[in-house]
Amino acid sequence: MFLVPSHILFFSTLLFGMLMAVSSSSWFTAWMGLELNLLSFIPLISSETNQFSSEASLKYFLTQALASAMILLASSALVTGLVFSYYLLSIALLIKMGAAPFHMWFPMVADGLGWLQFIILSTLQKIAPMALLSYTCEVSHWLILIVASTSAIVGAIGGINQLMLRKLMSYSSIGHTAWMLAALLISESLWLTYFSVYCVTSSTIILFLFYKQAYHFNHLASSNFQSTPQNSVMFMCLLSLGGLPPFTGFIPKWVTIQELASSSYVALNFFLIVGTLINLYYYLRLTLSSFMMSSSLLKWQSMTKSNLSFISLFMIIMNLIGVLASPIAYMIL
């Protein structure tokens, strides 16, 4: 995907638009950065080999254009001093990142993307809206609190009956967005820590599914998933993404739970923990399917052993950092 010169150009402008929005000193400049980011991502979505890419790019453009129009309207209304304009800005940014209850477009767009584009949608495309949301966090505090609780429940319940892996991972992303919003209520550094760990753990699983060419639950029964060591690696990565100790994904969730408890966000803590437990249920179902549904009747495209061994090694190292860091931190403290 990214070896095509045009894709390299659009990916570079996507990063530039994101940095422009994050580092801007006015809402108009931030809007320009968001628009540049939007217009750079749409050509990356479009693909001649994917028949659903045009539909996904249209849905993404219409949703993001609506949110951008709301940002222009709200930023213009800021000069009047109305508190409602801050709430309107926050709603527009929450739409852009796909947080519940403004999430309807996210699973539909994700279902029409390839795995590599999905990595960008679920990670890089959240940076600019989340950073801009931190500027309105103090005023729209209760709105973010309600949206974080809603995202935790929607991300958990929405993925239970999903058979398409991209939709399942999109609901997982919505659930993790709830944790990011909760971390943002505490501090920007906590949000940045959680987001960094989420990017690593989520990307390892998505890359694994990309190289296995798995898009549906039935694909987990293919010959690509008959290797027990590779299934074990995927099992550990999903447990890390779910935040089960002592894997890497548990560390930022542990810190977030402690900070929320000390800040008296008891109800938000409850929704986040319950949502994570439900997420772990369908993570385990995903892994057990690859263990127990193995069949030699279905054969899908596979990569070379060298690529898979490198990817497996990378995934093990990144998701077992928490296992190695926990005793070291305990000895230091």
Protein backbone atom coordinates (compact mmCIF):
# COMPACT_ATOMS: atom_id res chain seq x y z
CA MET A 1 0.00 0.00 0.00
CA PHE A 2 2.53 2.63 1.13
CA LEU A 3 5.12 1.72 -1.52
CA VAL A 4 3.09 3.54 -4.20
CA PRO A 5 4.45 7.11 -4.68
CA SER A 6 0.99 8.69 -4.53
CA HIS A 7 0.26 6.89 -1.26
CA ILE A 8 3.54 8.11 0.21
CA LEU A 9 2.58 11.68 -0.75
CA PHE A 10 -0.92 11.44 0.74
CA PHE A 11 0.36 9.76 3.90
CA SER A 12 2.91 12.56 4.34
CA THR A 13 0.23 15.24 3.95
CA LEU A 14 -1.98 13.29 6.36
CA LEU A 15 0.74 13.49 9.00
CA PHE A 16 1.35 17.16 8.20
CA GLY A 17 -2.35 17.97 8.61
CA MET A 18 -2.43 16.13 11.92
CA LEU A 19 0.62 18.04 13.21
CA MET A 20 -0.83 21.30 11.92
CA ALA A 21 -4.08 20.72 13.83
CA VAL A 22 -2.31 19.71 17.05
CA SER A 23 0.15 22.61 17.06
CA SER A 24 -2.25 25.33 15.89
CA SER A 25 -2.84 28.47 17.94
CA SER A 26 -6.34 29.18 16.58
CA TRP A 27 -9.42 27.13 15.78
CA PHE A 28 -9.32 28.21 12.14
CA THR A 29 -5.80 26.82 11.71
CA ALA A 30 -6.87 23.67 13.52
CA TRP A 31 -9.81 23.35 11.11
CA MET A 32 -7.43 23.68 8.17
CA GLY A 33 -5.24 20.92 9.57
CA LEU A 34 -8.25 18.64 10.07
CA GLU A 35 -9.41 19.28 6.50
CA LEU A 36 -5.97 18.53 5.10
CA ASN A 37 -5.93 15.35 7.15
CA LEU A 38 -9.37 14.39 5.82
CA LEU A 39 -8.57 15.06 2.17
CA SER A 40 -5.33 13.08 2.47
CA PHE A 41 -6.97 10.02 4.04
CA ILE A 42 -9.72 9.59 1.41
CA PRO A 43 -7.28 8.69 -1.44
CA LEU A 44 -5.65 6.16 0.91
CA ILE A 45 -9.05 4.53 1.45
CA SER A 46 -9.80 4.24 -2.26
CA SER A 47 -8.65 0.96 -3.75
CA GLU A 48 -9.31 -0.75 -7.07
CA THR A 49 -9.16 -4.19 -5.46
CA ASN A 50 -11.73 -3.40 -2.74
CA GLN A 51 -15.27 -3.03 -4.06
CA PHE A 52 -16.49 -1.41 -0.81
CA SER A 53 -13.81 1.31 -0.66
CA SER A 54 -15.86 3.89 -2.58
CA GLU A 55 -18.80 3.48 -0.24
CA ALA A 56 -16.53 3.69 2.81
CA SER A 57 -14.77 6.81 1.53
CA LEU A 58 -18.11 8.52 0.82
CA LYS A 59 -19.48 7.74 4.29
CA TYR A 60 -16.24 8.93 5.87
CA PHE A 61 -16.21 12.16 3.86
CA LEU A 62 -19.84 13.07 4.63
CA THR A 63 -19.42 12.43 8.36
CA GLN A 64 -16.16 14.34 8.63
CA ALA A 65 -17.50 17.21 6.52
CA LEU A 66 -20.48 17.55 8.88
CA ALA A 67 -18.15 17.63 11.88
CA SER A 68 -15.90 20.19 10.16
CA ALA A 69 -18.89 22.44 9.47
CA MET A 70 -19.84 22.21 13.15
CA ILE A 71 -16.29 23.22 14.12
CA LEU A 72 -16.47 26.30 11.87
CA LEU A 73 -19.84 27.26 13.31
CA ALA A 74 -18.78 26.73 16.92
CA SER A 75 -15.42 28.51 16.55
CA SER A 76 -17.21 31.50 15.03
CA ALA A 77 -19.66 31.53 17.94
CA LEU A 78 -16.82 31.55 20.50
CA VAL A 79 -16.53 35.34 20.15
CA THR A 80 -20.02 35.65 21.68
CA GLY A 81 -18.85 33.87 24.83
CA LEU A 82 -21.64 31.30 24.75
CA VAL A 83 -20.85 28.14 26.68
CA PHE A 84 -22.90 26.17 24.13
CA SER A 85 -20.23 26.82 21.50
CA TYR A 86 -17.72 24.81 23.55
CA TYR A 87 -20.17 21.94 23.77
CA LEU A 88 -20.73 22.12 20.00
CA LEU A 89 -16.98 22.03 19.43
CA SER A 90 -16.66 19.00 21.69
CA ILE A 91 -19.49 17.17 19.91
CA ALA A 92 -17.86 17.83 16.52
CA LEU A 93 -14.52 16.45 17.74
CA LEU A 94 -16.23 13.41 19.28
CA ILE A 95 -17.91 12.74 15.92
CA LYS A 96 -14.54 12.89 14.20
CA MET A 97 -12.99 10.30 16.51
CA GLY A 98 -16.04 8.00 16.42
CA ALA A 99 -16.98 8.04 20.10
CA ALA A 100 -20.44 6.81 21.15
CA PRO A 101 -23.21 7.85 20.71
CA PHE A 102 -21.73 9.46 17.57
CA HIS A 103 -20.15 6.16 16.46
CA MET A 104 -22.61 4.89 13.83
CA TRP A 105 -20.31 5.71 10.92
CA PHE A 106 -17.20 4.09 12.42
CA PRO A 107 -18.04 0.35 12.05
CA MET A 108 -19.58 0.91 8.59
CA VAL A 109 -16.49 2.71 7.31
CA ALA A 110 -14.14 0.21 8.95
CA ASP A 111 -15.93 -2.69 7.24
CA GLY A 112 -15.01 -1.26 3.83
CA LEU A 113 -11.31 -0.71 4.58
CA GLY A 114 -8.25 -2.88 4.31
CA TRP A 115 -6.37 -3.73 7.47
CA LEU A 116 -3.59 -1.19 6.85
CA GLN A 117 -6.08 1.63 6.34
CA PHE A 118 -7.92 0.46 9.44
CA ILE A 119 -4.74 0.93 11.50
CA ILE A 120 -4.64 4.59 10.42
CA LEU A 121 -8.34 5.08 11.13
CA SER A 122 -8.18 3.61 14.63
CA THR A 123 -4.88 5.21 15.70
CA LEU A 124 -3.55 8.24 13.80
CA GLN A 125 -6.96 9.70 12.99
CA LYS A 126 -7.77 9.98 16.70
CA ILE A 127 -4.74 12.09 17.63
CA ALA A 128 -5.84 15.51 16.31
CA PRO A 129 -9.47 15.39 17.60
CA MET A 130 -8.33 14.12 20.99
CA ALA A 131 -5.64 16.79 21.33
CA LEU A 132 -8.11 19.54 20.37
CA LEU A 133 -10.69 18.11 22.76
CA SER A 134 -8.28 18.69 25.63
CA TYR A 135 -8.72 22.47 25.07
CA THR A 136 -12.47 22.24 25.75
CA CYS A 137 -12.22 19.55 28.43
CA GLU A 138 -12.69 21.89 31.38
CA VAL A 139 -15.88 23.47 30.02
CA SER A 140 -17.46 20.34 28.52
CA HIS A 141 -16.40 18.10 31.41
CA TRP A 142 -19.78 16.44 31.95
CA LEU A 143 -20.30 15.81 28.24
CA ILE A 144 -16.99 13.94 28.00
CA LEU A 145 -17.86 12.00 31.15
CA ILE A 146 -21.18 10.83 29.65
CA VAL A 147 -19.63 10.03 26.26
CA ALA A 148 -16.83 7.99 27.89
CA SER A 149 -19.36 5.91 29.84
CA THR A 150 -21.51 5.41 26.74
CA SER A 151 -18.52 4.44 24.59
CA ALA A 152 -17.44 1.82 27.13
CA ILE A 153 -20.86 0.11 27.03
CA VAL A 154 -21.41 0.47 23.27
CA GLY A 155 -17.91 -0.78 22.45
CA ALA A 156 -18.49 -3.82 24.67
CA ILE A 157 -22.02 -4.78 23.63
CA GLY A 158 -21.60 -3.93 19.94
CA GLY A 159 -18.82 -6.46 19.38
CA ILE A 160 -20.48 -9.48 20.98
CA ASN A 161 -22.42 -10.76 17.94
CA GLN A 162 -20.04 -9.54 15.24
CA LEU A 163 -18.71 -12.09 12.73
CA MET A 164 -16.77 -9.59 10.60
CA LEU A 165 -13.37 -9.07 12.19
CA ARG A 166 -13.05 -5.45 11.05
CA LYS A 167 -16.36 -4.52 12.69
CA LEU A 168 -15.32 -6.39 15.83
CA MET A 169 -12.03 -4.47 15.99
CA SER A 170 -13.88 -1.20 15.33
CA TYR A 171 -16.12 -1.76 18.37
CA SER A 172 -12.98 -2.62 20.30
CA SER A 173 -11.55 0.74 19.21
CA ILE A 174 -14.70 2.50 20.45
CA GLY A 175 -14.27 0.79 23.82
CA HIS A 176 -10.65 1.94 24.03
CA THR A 177 -11.74 5.46 23.04
CA ALA A 178 -13.73 5.49 26.29
CA TRP A 179 -10.52 4.79 28.22
CA MET A 180 -8.70 7.55 26.32
CA LEU A 181 -11.44 10.06 27.14
CA ALA A 182 -11.32 9.01 30.79
CA ALA A 183 -7.54 9.43 30.80
CA LEU A 184 -7.97 12.84 29.15
CA LEU A 185 -10.15 13.95 32.08
CA ILE A 186 -7.18 13.28 34.39
CA SER A 187 -4.24 14.62 32.37
CA GLU A 188 -2.86 14.82 28.86
CA SER A 189 0.21 12.76 29.79
CA LEU A 190 -1.98 9.88 30.98
CA TRP A 191 -3.95 10.00 27.74
CA LEU A 192 -0.74 10.00 25.70
CA THR A 193 0.57 6.99 27.64
CA TYR A 194 -2.64 5.02 27.16
CA PHE A 195 -2.84 5.96 23.47
CA SER A 196 0.77 4.86 22.83
CA VAL A 197 0.22 1.46 24.42
CA TYR A 198 -3.08 1.03 22.57
CA CYS A 199 -1.40 1.81 19.24
CA VAL A 200 1.22 -0.88 19.83
CA THR A 201 -1.10 -3.62 21.07
CA SER A 202 -3.82 -2.94 18.51
CA SER A 203 -1.42 -2.66 15.57
CA THR A 204 0.23 -5.99 16.36
CA ILE A 205 -3.12 -7.83 16.20
CA ILE A 206 -4.23 -6.01 13.05
CA LEU A 207 -0.92 -6.74 11.32
CA PHE A 208 -1.27 -10.39 12.32
CA LEU A 209 -4.76 -10.54 10.75
CA PHE A 210 -3.48 -8.68 7.68
CA TYR A 211 -0.69 -11.16 6.99
CA LYS A 212 -3.11 -14.02 7.59
CA GLN A 213 -5.65 -12.35 5.26
CA ALA A 214 -8.44 -12.92 7.81
CA TYR A 215 -11.57 -10.79 7.52
CA HIS A 216 -14.31 -13.10 8.81
CA PHE A 217 -14.70 -15.54 11.69
CA ASN A 218 -14.69 -18.41 9.18
CA HIS A 219 -11.20 -17.42 8.08
CA LEU A 220 -9.94 -18.35 11.54
CA ALA A 221 -10.59 -21.97 10.57
CA SER A 222 -8.28 -21.79 7.58
CA SER A 223 -4.95 -23.52 7.23
CA ASN A 224 -3.23 -20.20 8.03
CA PHE A 225 -4.35 -20.55 11.65
CA GLN A 226 -3.36 -24.18 12.20
CA SER A 227 0.00 -23.28 13.72
CA THR A 228 -0.32 -23.57 17.49
CA PRO A 229 2.61 -21.20 18.27
CA GLN A 230 1.07 -18.47 16.08
CA ASN A 231 -2.31 -18.96 17.74
CA SER A 232 -0.60 -18.64 21.12
CA VAL A 233 1.00 -15.36 20.05
CA MET A 234 -2.37 -14.04 18.93
CA PHE A 235 -3.87 -15.22 22.22
CA MET A 236 -1.30 -13.22 24.23
CA CYS A 237 -1.78 -10.12 22.05
CA LEU A 238 -5.56 -10.18 22.54
CA LEU A 239 -5.16 -10.58 26.29
CA SER A 240 -2.80 -7.60 26.27
CA LEU A 241 -5.30 -5.54 24.26
CA GLY A 242 -8.01 -6.51 26.75
CA GLY A 243 -5.88 -5.27 29.63
CA LEU A 244 -5.36 -8.56 31.44
CA PRO A 245 -2.38 -8.61 33.82
CA PRO A 246 0.55 -8.97 33.56
CA PHE A 247 0.63 -8.02 29.86
CA THR A 248 1.56 -4.60 28.50
CA GLY A 249 -2.03 -3.42 27.98
CA PHE A 250 -2.77 -3.78 31.69
CA ILE A 251 -0.32 -1.08 32.79
CA PRO A 252 -2.11 2.05 31.42
CA LYS A 253 -5.51 0.69 32.48
CA TRP A 254 -4.23 0.07 35.98
CA VAL A 255 -2.89 3.63 36.23
CA THR A 256 -6.12 5.06 34.77
CA ILE A 257 -8.29 3.13 37.24
CA GLN A 258 -6.18 4.37 40.16
CA GLU A 259 -6.31 7.99 39.00
CA LEU A 260 -10.07 7.86 38.38
CA ALA A 261 -10.64 6.33 41.82
CA SER A 262 -8.57 9.04 43.50
CA SER A 263 -10.53 11.69 41.55
CA SER A 264 -13.89 10.24 42.69
CA TYR A 265 -15.00 9.03 39.24
CA VAL A 266 -16.54 5.88 40.70
CA ALA A 267 -19.38 5.51 38.19
CA LEU A 268 -17.06 6.00 35.20
CA ASN A 269 -14.67 3.43 36.65
CA PHE A 270 -17.54 0.94 36.93
CA PHE A 271 -18.60 1.36 33.29
CA LEU A 272 -15.01 1.08 32.04
CA ILE A 273 -14.30 -2.10 34.01
CA VAL A 274 -17.58 -3.77 32.99
CA GLY A 275 -16.97 -2.84 29.35
CA THR A 276 -13.46 -4.29 29.50
CA LEU A 277 -14.75 -7.58 30.91
CA ILE A 278 -17.21 -7.90 28.02
CA ASN A 279 -14.42 -7.02 25.58
CA LEU A 280 -12.33 -9.83 27.04
CA TYR A 281 -15.22 -12.21 26.36
CA TYR A 282 -15.20 -11.67 22.61
CA TYR A 283 -11.39 -11.51 22.52
CA LEU A 284 -11.34 -14.98 24.06
CA ARG A 285 -14.04 -16.14 21.64
CA LEU A 286 -11.90 -14.89 18.77
CA THR A 287 -8.87 -16.81 20.01
CA LEU A 288 -10.69 -20.01 20.88
CA SER A 289 -12.17 -20.03 17.38
CA SER A 290 -8.68 -20.09 15.87
CA PHE A 291 -7.67 -22.90 18.26
CA MET A 292 -10.73 -25.13 17.90
CA MET A 293 -12.10 -24.49 14.39
CA SER A 294 -8.93 -25.46 12.51
CA SER A 295 -9.66 -27.25 9.29
CA SER A 296 -7.60 -28.12 6.24
CA LEU A 297 -10.59 -27.65 3.92
CA LEU A 298 -10.27 -23.88 3.73
CA LYS A 299 -7.06 -22.42 2.32
CA TRP A 300 -6.44 -18.72 2.09
CA GLN A 301 -3.47 -16.68 1.03
CA SER A 302 -0.53 -16.92 3.40
CA MET A 303 2.81 -15.17 3.70
CA THR A 304 6.27 -16.68 3.89
CA LYS A 305 7.57 -18.28 7.06
CA SER A 306 10.27 -15.66 7.47
CA ASN A 307 7.76 -12.81 7.50
CA LEU A 308 5.49 -14.60 9.92
CA SER A 309 8.35 -15.49 12.26
CA PHE A 310 9.52 -11.86 12.34
CA ILE A 311 5.99 -10.59 12.98
CA SER A 312 5.42 -13.20 15.71
CA LEU A 313 8.68 -12.23 17.41
CA PHE A 314 7.78 -8.52 17.24
CA MET A 315 4.32 -9.17 18.68
CA ILE A 316 5.70 -11.25 21.55
CA ILE A 317 8.27 -8.59 22.51
CA MET A 318 5.82 -5.66 22.41
CA ASN A 319 3.07 -7.41 24.36
CA LEU A 320 5.32 -8.96 26.99
CA ILE A 321 7.00 -5.69 27.96
CA GLY A 322 4.51 -5.46 30.83
CA VAL A 323 5.51 -8.91 32.08
CA LEU A 324 9.16 -7.87 32.16
CA ALA A 325 8.60 -4.33 33.42
CA SER A 326 6.36 -5.23 36.37
CA PRO A 327 8.99 -7.05 38.50
CA ILE A 328 11.65 -4.49 37.54
CA ALA A 329 9.40 -1.60 38.64
CA TYR A 330 8.54 -3.48 41.84
CA MET A 331 12.23 -3.93 42.70
CA ILE A 332 12.98 -0.27 41.95
CA LEU A 333 10.07 1.01 44.04
